[in-house]
Amino acid sequence: MIAIDPSEQTERDNYKLMIGSIVPRPIALMTTLSADGVVNAAPFSYFNIVTANPPMVSISVQRKGGVQKDSARNAVATGSFVVHVTDESNVRAANLAAANLPPEASELDFAGFTAVPSSAVPVPGLAEAKIRMECVLERAYPLGGTDDAPACDLLIGRVVRFHVADELLSDGRIDAQRLQPVSRLAGNAYAKLGEAFSLDRPE
């Protein structure tokens, strides 16, 4: 087995090891609202559950040269955002939303998304998602890099409203086969759900 010291590697080399090892990664398609009322949408695969009590999710938004991305800046400024689950039906549009547009331009128009009003936060959601979670910002942590130029913003959001397509719910559970989630691998590679299997947990 090869032992690798990350301190002796470049940032790019460490990045390649991490995104190639931590797979598959679910993709959060996140909407935020700017101070000028522009709806921003962007996909993030550094995304996961934090806790169910109360329901919280985490999204790590990488910075470029220490500068916050629109998504992180808007979420911190408004204290809210909406997370959508990326699936086979919307993944191509989600990928388009990753385009580097100026802050005054909305990715919704560029990617072909349709805005829908949220119930509990001011940020609109996307009609094309089968699952969306309206979130209020619990914590925002600038991490990594240097004190003057952090590498990312770790956002912790508390879910205050779930919206789930009718056909996905059965006895309060999500049918993953009907959801058809898409995950991120390394580089430009994505993956579908694949074959599922079950294991009994030890008592």
C-alpha atoms as a PDB file:
ATOM      1  CA  MET A   1       0.000   0.000   0.000  1.00  0.00           C
ATOM      2  CA  ILE A   2       1.291   3.467  -0.873  1.00  0.00           C
ATOM      3  CA  ALA A   3       1.583   5.969   1.996  1.00  0.00           C
ATOM      4  CA  ILE A   4       1.127   9.593   0.936  1.00  0.00           C
ATOM      5  CA  ASP A   5       1.804  12.689   3.025  1.00  0.00           C
ATOM      6  CA  PRO A   6      -0.616  15.418   1.843  1.00  0.00           C
ATOM      7  CA  SER A   7       1.742  18.126   3.104  1.00  0.00           C
ATOM      8  CA  GLU A   8       4.279  16.988   0.500  1.00  0.00           C
ATOM      9  CA  GLN A   9       1.791  17.185  -2.358  1.00  0.00           C
ATOM     10  CA  THR A  10       0.231  20.037  -4.281  1.00  0.00           C
ATOM     11  CA  GLU A  11      -3.335  21.120  -3.640  1.00  0.00           C
ATOM     12  CA  ARG A  12      -4.273  19.669  -7.031  1.00  0.00           C
ATOM     13  CA  ASP A  13      -2.770  16.274  -6.193  1.00  0.00           C
ATOM     14  CA  ASN A  14      -4.663  16.118  -2.890  1.00  0.00           C
ATOM     15  CA  TYR A  15      -7.848  17.177  -4.665  1.00  0.00           C
ATOM     16  CA  LYS A  16      -7.529  14.315  -7.145  1.00  0.00           C
ATOM     17  CA  LEU A  17      -7.046  11.781  -4.350  1.00  0.00           C
ATOM     18  CA  MET A  18     -10.068  13.040  -2.427  1.00  0.00           C
ATOM     19  CA  ILE A  19     -12.571  13.255  -5.281  1.00  0.00           C
ATOM     20  CA  GLY A  20     -11.423   9.884  -6.580  1.00  0.00           C
ATOM     21  CA  SER A  21     -11.706   8.222  -3.163  1.00  0.00           C
ATOM     22  CA  ILE A  22     -14.852   9.748  -1.694  1.00  0.00           C
ATOM     23  CA  VAL A  23     -17.339   8.438  -4.231  1.00  0.00           C
ATOM     24  CA  PRO A  24     -20.150   8.449  -5.088  1.00  0.00           C
ATOM     25  CA  ARG A  25     -21.089  11.912  -3.822  1.00  0.00           C
ATOM     26  CA  PRO A  26     -24.710  13.139  -3.872  1.00  0.00           C
ATOM     27  CA  ILE A  27     -25.186  16.448  -5.657  1.00  0.00           C
ATOM     28  CA  ALA A  28     -26.996  19.345  -4.019  1.00  0.00           C
ATOM     29  CA  LEU A  29     -28.482  21.772  -6.506  1.00  0.00           C
ATOM     30  CA  MET A  30     -28.629  24.898  -4.366  1.00  0.00           C
ATOM     31  CA  THR A  31     -30.578  28.107  -4.938  1.00  0.00           C
ATOM     32  CA  THR A  32     -29.850  31.387  -3.178  1.00  0.00           C
ATOM     33  CA  LEU A  33     -31.092  34.949  -3.513  1.00  0.00           C
ATOM     34  CA  SER A  34     -28.839  37.970  -3.964  1.00  0.00           C
ATOM     35  CA  ALA A  35     -29.400  41.383  -2.397  1.00  0.00           C
ATOM     36  CA  ASP A  36     -30.526  42.565  -5.843  1.00  0.00           C
ATOM     37  CA  GLY A  37     -33.152  39.827  -6.095  1.00  0.00           C
ATOM     38  CA  VAL A  38     -31.242  37.608  -8.536  1.00  0.00           C
ATOM     39  CA  VAL A  39     -31.835  33.875  -8.022  1.00  0.00           C
ATOM     40  CA  ASN A  40     -28.563  31.945  -8.147  1.00  0.00           C
ATOM     41  CA  ALA A  41     -28.398  28.191  -8.764  1.00  0.00           C
ATOM     42  CA  ALA A  42     -25.331  25.962  -8.567  1.00  0.00           C
ATOM     43  CA  PRO A  43     -24.520  22.252  -8.027  1.00  0.00           C
ATOM     44  CA  PHE A  44     -22.298  21.091  -5.158  1.00  0.00           C
ATOM     45  CA  SER A  45     -21.113  17.541  -4.504  1.00  0.00           C
ATOM     46  CA  TYR A  46     -19.463  18.343  -1.164  1.00  0.00           C
ATOM     47  CA  PHE A  47     -22.873  17.732   0.409  1.00  0.00           C
ATOM     48  CA  ASN A  48     -24.357  15.485   3.092  1.00  0.00           C
ATOM     49  CA  ILE A  49     -26.600  14.966   6.133  1.00  0.00           C
ATOM     50  CA  VAL A  50     -25.504  16.487   9.444  1.00  0.00           C
ATOM     51  CA  THR A  51     -28.295  15.305  11.751  1.00  0.00           C
ATOM     52  CA  ALA A  52     -32.011  14.517  11.704  1.00  0.00           C
ATOM     53  CA  ASN A  53     -32.717  16.197  15.050  1.00  0.00           C
ATOM     54  CA  PRO A  54     -33.415  18.803  13.844  1.00  0.00           C
ATOM     55  CA  PRO A  55     -32.882  17.981  10.171  1.00  0.00           C
ATOM     56  CA  MET A  56     -29.669  19.624   8.964  1.00  0.00           C
ATOM     57  CA  VAL A  57     -27.517  19.381   5.856  1.00  0.00           C
ATOM     58  CA  SER A  58     -23.993  20.527   5.064  1.00  0.00           C
ATOM     59  CA  ILE A  59     -22.628  22.034   1.865  1.00  0.00           C
ATOM     60  CA  SER A  60     -19.004  23.006   1.364  1.00  0.00           C
ATOM     61  CA  VAL A  61     -18.669  25.811  -1.182  1.00  0.00           C
ATOM     62  CA  GLN A  62     -15.116  26.110  -2.456  1.00  0.00           C
ATOM     63  CA  ARG A  63     -13.603  29.574  -2.837  1.00  0.00           C
ATOM     64  CA  LYS A  64     -11.390  30.770  -5.676  1.00  0.00           C
ATOM     65  CA  GLY A  65      -8.382  32.766  -4.551  1.00  0.00           C
ATOM     66  CA  GLY A  66     -10.039  33.248  -1.171  1.00  0.00           C
ATOM     67  CA  VAL A  67     -13.087  34.937  -2.737  1.00  0.00           C
ATOM     68  CA  GLN A  68     -16.561  33.667  -1.809  1.00  0.00           C
ATOM     69  CA  LYS A  69     -18.764  32.266  -4.538  1.00  0.00           C
ATOM     70  CA  ASP A  70     -22.186  33.807  -5.114  1.00  0.00           C
ATOM     71  CA  SER A  71     -23.940  30.860  -3.428  1.00  0.00           C
ATOM     72  CA  ALA A  72     -22.041  31.192  -0.149  1.00  0.00           C
ATOM     73  CA  ARG A  73     -22.177  34.977  -0.130  1.00  0.00           C
ATOM     74  CA  ASN A  74     -25.940  35.006  -0.745  1.00  0.00           C
ATOM     75  CA  ALA A  75     -26.655  32.286   1.826  1.00  0.00           C
ATOM     76  CA  VAL A  76     -24.714  34.141   4.509  1.00  0.00           C
ATOM     77  CA  ALA A  77     -26.309  37.486   3.627  1.00  0.00           C
ATOM     78  CA  THR A  78     -29.922  36.236   3.581  1.00  0.00           C
ATOM     79  CA  GLY A  79     -29.585  33.408   6.095  1.00  0.00           C
ATOM     80  CA  SER A  80     -31.393  30.951   3.834  1.00  0.00           C
ATOM     81  CA  PHE A  81     -31.117  28.701   0.787  1.00  0.00           C
ATOM     82  CA  VAL A  82     -32.925  25.811  -0.902  1.00  0.00           C
ATOM     83  CA  VAL A  83     -31.344  22.407  -1.592  1.00  0.00           C
ATOM     84  CA  HIS A  84     -32.616  20.229  -4.441  1.00  0.00           C
ATOM     85  CA  VAL A  85     -31.697  16.600  -5.069  1.00  0.00           C
ATOM     86  CA  THR A  86     -30.066  16.152  -8.461  1.00  0.00           C
ATOM     87  CA  ASP A  87     -31.536  13.252 -10.434  1.00  0.00           C
ATOM     88  CA  GLU A  88     -31.481  11.797 -13.931  1.00  0.00           C
ATOM     89  CA  SER A  89     -34.161  14.211 -15.127  1.00  0.00           C
ATOM     90  CA  ASN A  90     -32.348  17.414 -14.122  1.00  0.00           C
ATOM     91  CA  VAL A  91     -28.621  16.577 -14.020  1.00  0.00           C
ATOM     92  CA  ARG A  92     -27.842  18.121 -17.408  1.00  0.00           C
ATOM     93  CA  ALA A  93     -29.491  21.379 -16.411  1.00  0.00           C
ATOM     94  CA  ALA A  94     -27.701  21.208 -13.045  1.00  0.00           C
ATOM     95  CA  ASN A  95     -24.403  20.895 -14.896  1.00  0.00           C
ATOM     96  CA  LEU A  96     -25.243  23.985 -16.960  1.00  0.00           C
ATOM     97  CA  ALA A  97     -25.877  25.854 -13.705  1.00  0.00           C
ATOM     98  CA  ALA A  98     -22.189  25.374 -12.867  1.00  0.00           C
ATOM     99  CA  ALA A  99     -21.315  27.947 -15.536  1.00  0.00           C
ATOM    100  CA  ASN A 100     -19.278  30.914 -14.321  1.00  0.00           C
ATOM    101  CA  LEU A 101     -21.846  33.686 -14.807  1.00  0.00           C
ATOM    102  CA  PRO A 102     -21.602  37.233 -13.427  1.00  0.00           C
ATOM    103  CA  PRO A 103     -23.502  37.882 -10.152  1.00  0.00           C
ATOM    104  CA  GLU A 104     -26.224  39.860 -11.934  1.00  0.00           C
ATOM    105  CA  ALA A 105     -27.074  36.910 -14.222  1.00  0.00           C
ATOM    106  CA  SER A 106     -29.333  34.057 -13.101  1.00  0.00           C
ATOM    107  CA  GLU A 107     -28.380  30.466 -13.829  1.00  0.00           C
ATOM    108  CA  LEU A 108     -32.098  29.649 -13.995  1.00  0.00           C
ATOM    109  CA  ASP A 109     -32.410  31.317 -17.386  1.00  0.00           C
ATOM    110  CA  PHE A 110     -29.141  29.842 -18.637  1.00  0.00           C
ATOM    111  CA  ALA A 111     -29.956  26.271 -17.521  1.00  0.00           C
ATOM    112  CA  GLY A 112     -33.689  26.363 -18.258  1.00  0.00           C
ATOM    113  CA  PHE A 113     -34.956  26.020 -14.694  1.00  0.00           C
ATOM    114  CA  THR A 114     -38.346  27.285 -13.495  1.00  0.00           C
ATOM    115  CA  ALA A 115     -38.555  29.178 -10.189  1.00  0.00           C
ATOM    116  CA  VAL A 116     -41.316  28.292  -7.721  1.00  0.00           C
ATOM    117  CA  PRO A 117     -42.117  30.142  -4.474  1.00  0.00           C
ATOM    118  CA  SER A 118     -40.917  28.632  -1.215  1.00  0.00           C
ATOM    119  CA  SER A 119     -43.137  28.231   1.847  1.00  0.00           C
ATOM    120  CA  ALA A 120     -40.815  29.130   4.714  1.00  0.00           C
ATOM    121  CA  VAL A 121     -37.842  31.025   3.225  1.00  0.00           C
ATOM    122  CA  PRO A 122     -37.574  33.915   0.739  1.00  0.00           C
ATOM    123  CA  VAL A 123     -35.390  31.941  -1.683  1.00  0.00           C
ATOM    124  CA  PRO A 124     -37.312  30.364  -4.601  1.00  0.00           C
ATOM    125  CA  GLY A 125     -37.042  26.673  -5.380  1.00  0.00           C
ATOM    126  CA  LEU A 126     -36.856  24.851  -8.708  1.00  0.00           C
ATOM    127  CA  ALA A 127     -39.894  23.178 -10.248  1.00  0.00           C
ATOM    128  CA  GLU A 128     -37.728  20.602 -12.026  1.00  0.00           C
ATOM    129  CA  ALA A 129     -36.573  18.900  -8.790  1.00  0.00           C
ATOM    130  CA  LYS A 130     -38.480  15.980  -7.257  1.00  0.00           C
ATOM    131  CA  ILE A 131     -37.176  16.857  -3.788  1.00  0.00           C
ATOM    132  CA  ARG A 132     -36.347  20.258  -2.383  1.00  0.00           C
ATOM    133  CA  MET A 133     -35.477  21.345   1.138  1.00  0.00           C
ATOM    134  CA  GLU A 134     -35.956  24.898   2.322  1.00  0.00           C
ATOM    135  CA  CYS A 135     -33.142  25.728   4.738  1.00  0.00           C
ATOM    136  CA  VAL A 136     -32.214  28.460   7.172  1.00  0.00           C
ATOM    137  CA  LEU A 137     -28.515  28.979   7.747  1.00  0.00           C
ATOM    138  CA  GLU A 138     -27.440  27.614  11.135  1.00  0.00           C
ATOM    139  CA  ARG A 139     -23.687  28.139  10.801  1.00  0.00           C
ATOM    140  CA  ALA A 140     -21.161  29.274   8.213  1.00  0.00           C
ATOM    141  CA  TYR A 141     -17.517  28.376   8.735  1.00  0.00           C
ATOM    142  CA  PRO A 142     -14.659  29.690   6.574  1.00  0.00           C
ATOM    143  CA  LEU A 143     -12.145  26.826   6.547  1.00  0.00           C
ATOM    144  CA  GLY A 144      -8.806  25.822   5.056  1.00  0.00           C
ATOM    145  CA  GLY A 145      -6.418  27.997   3.120  1.00  0.00           C
ATOM    146  CA  THR A 146      -5.135  30.889   5.233  1.00  0.00           C
ATOM    147  CA  ASP A 147      -6.725  33.373   7.613  1.00  0.00           C
ATOM    148  CA  ASP A 148      -6.719  35.971   4.845  1.00  0.00           C
ATOM    149  CA  ALA A 149      -7.838  33.602   2.095  1.00  0.00           C
ATOM    150  CA  PRO A 150      -9.938  30.640   3.307  1.00  0.00           C
ATOM    151  CA  ALA A 151     -10.329  27.700   0.929  1.00  0.00           C
ATOM    152  CA  CYS A 152     -14.046  27.161   1.436  1.00  0.00           C
ATOM    153  CA  ASP A 153     -17.235  28.083   3.258  1.00  0.00           C
ATOM    154  CA  LEU A 154     -18.859  25.206   5.133  1.00  0.00           C
ATOM    155  CA  LEU A 155     -22.581  25.955   5.330  1.00  0.00           C
ATOM    156  CA  ILE A 156     -24.840  24.162   7.805  1.00  0.00           C
ATOM    157  CA  GLY A 157     -28.510  24.521   6.941  1.00  0.00           C
ATOM    158  CA  ARG A 158     -31.519  23.543   9.051  1.00  0.00           C
ATOM    159  CA  VAL A 159     -34.367  22.196   6.953  1.00  0.00           C
ATOM    160  CA  VAL A 160     -37.594  24.045   7.745  1.00  0.00           C
ATOM    161  CA  ARG A 161     -39.685  22.597   4.918  1.00  0.00           C
ATOM    162  CA  PHE A 162     -39.504  19.484   2.748  1.00  0.00           C
ATOM    163  CA  HIS A 163     -41.188  19.271  -0.657  1.00  0.00           C
ATOM    164  CA  VAL A 164     -41.372  15.739  -2.079  1.00  0.00           C
ATOM    165  CA  ALA A 165     -43.029  14.533  -5.288  1.00  0.00           C
ATOM    166  CA  ASP A 166     -46.078  12.381  -4.531  1.00  0.00           C
ATOM    167  CA  GLU A 167     -44.804   9.344  -6.417  1.00  0.00           C
ATOM    168  CA  LEU A 168     -41.642   9.142  -4.302  1.00  0.00           C
ATOM    169  CA  LEU A 169     -43.243   8.687  -0.879  1.00  0.00           C
ATOM    170  CA  SER A 170     -44.336   5.333   0.529  1.00  0.00           C
ATOM    171  CA  ASP A 171     -45.063   5.044   4.272  1.00  0.00           C
ATOM    172  CA  GLY A 172     -42.963   8.137   4.891  1.00  0.00           C
ATOM    173  CA  ARG A 173     -39.947   6.743   3.033  1.00  0.00           C
ATOM    174  CA  ILE A 174     -38.371   7.864  -0.226  1.00  0.00           C
ATOM    175  CA  ASP A 175     -38.366   5.341  -3.086  1.00  0.00           C
ATOM    176  CA  ALA A 176     -34.818   5.693  -4.403  1.00  0.00           C
ATOM    177  CA  GLN A 177     -35.598   3.766  -7.587  1.00  0.00           C
ATOM    178  CA  ARG A 178     -38.243   6.323  -8.501  1.00  0.00           C
ATOM    179  CA  LEU A 179     -36.094   9.247  -7.423  1.00  0.00           C
ATOM    180  CA  GLN A 180     -33.284   8.138  -9.770  1.00  0.00           C
ATOM    181  CA  PRO A 181     -30.591  10.169  -7.986  1.00  0.00           C
ATOM    182  CA  VAL A 182     -27.344  11.004  -9.736  1.00  0.00           C
ATOM    183  CA  SER A 183     -23.977  11.181  -7.983  1.00  0.00           C
ATOM    184  CA  ARG A 184     -20.625  12.724  -8.793  1.00  0.00           C
ATOM    185  CA  LEU A 185     -17.431  10.758  -9.311  1.00  0.00           C
ATOM    186  CA  ALA A 186     -14.014  12.168 -10.250  1.00  0.00           C
ATOM    187  CA  GLY A 187     -13.498  14.598 -13.106  1.00  0.00           C
ATOM    188  CA  ASN A 188     -16.512  14.853 -15.409  1.00  0.00           C
ATOM    189  CA  ALA A 189     -17.848  11.414 -14.446  1.00  0.00           C
ATOM    190  CA  TYR A 190     -21.283  10.845 -12.925  1.00  0.00           C
ATOM    191  CA  ALA A 191     -23.097   7.711 -11.763  1.00  0.00           C
ATOM    192  CA  LYS A 192     -26.666   6.485 -11.562  1.00  0.00           C
ATOM    193  CA  LEU A 193     -28.089   4.608  -8.584  1.00  0.00           C
ATOM    194  CA  GLY A 194     -26.938   1.144  -9.638  1.00  0.00           C
ATOM    195  CA  GLU A 195     -27.746  -2.164  -7.945  1.00  0.00           C
ATOM    196  CA  ALA A 196     -28.995  -2.009  -4.341  1.00  0.00           C
ATOM    197  CA  PHE A 197     -28.544  -4.699  -1.682  1.00  0.00           C
ATOM    198  CA  SER A 198     -29.397  -5.081   2.014  1.00  0.00           C
ATOM    199  CA  LEU A 199     -27.450  -6.155   5.101  1.00  0.00           C
ATOM    200  CA  ASP A 200     -28.843  -6.726   8.590  1.00  0.00           C
ATOM    201  CA  ARG A 201     -27.086  -4.655  11.238  1.00  0.00           C
ATOM    202  CA  PRO A 202     -25.667  -6.542  14.227  1.00  0.00           C
ATOM    203  CA  GLU A 203     -27.525  -6.087  17.507  1.00  0.00           C
END
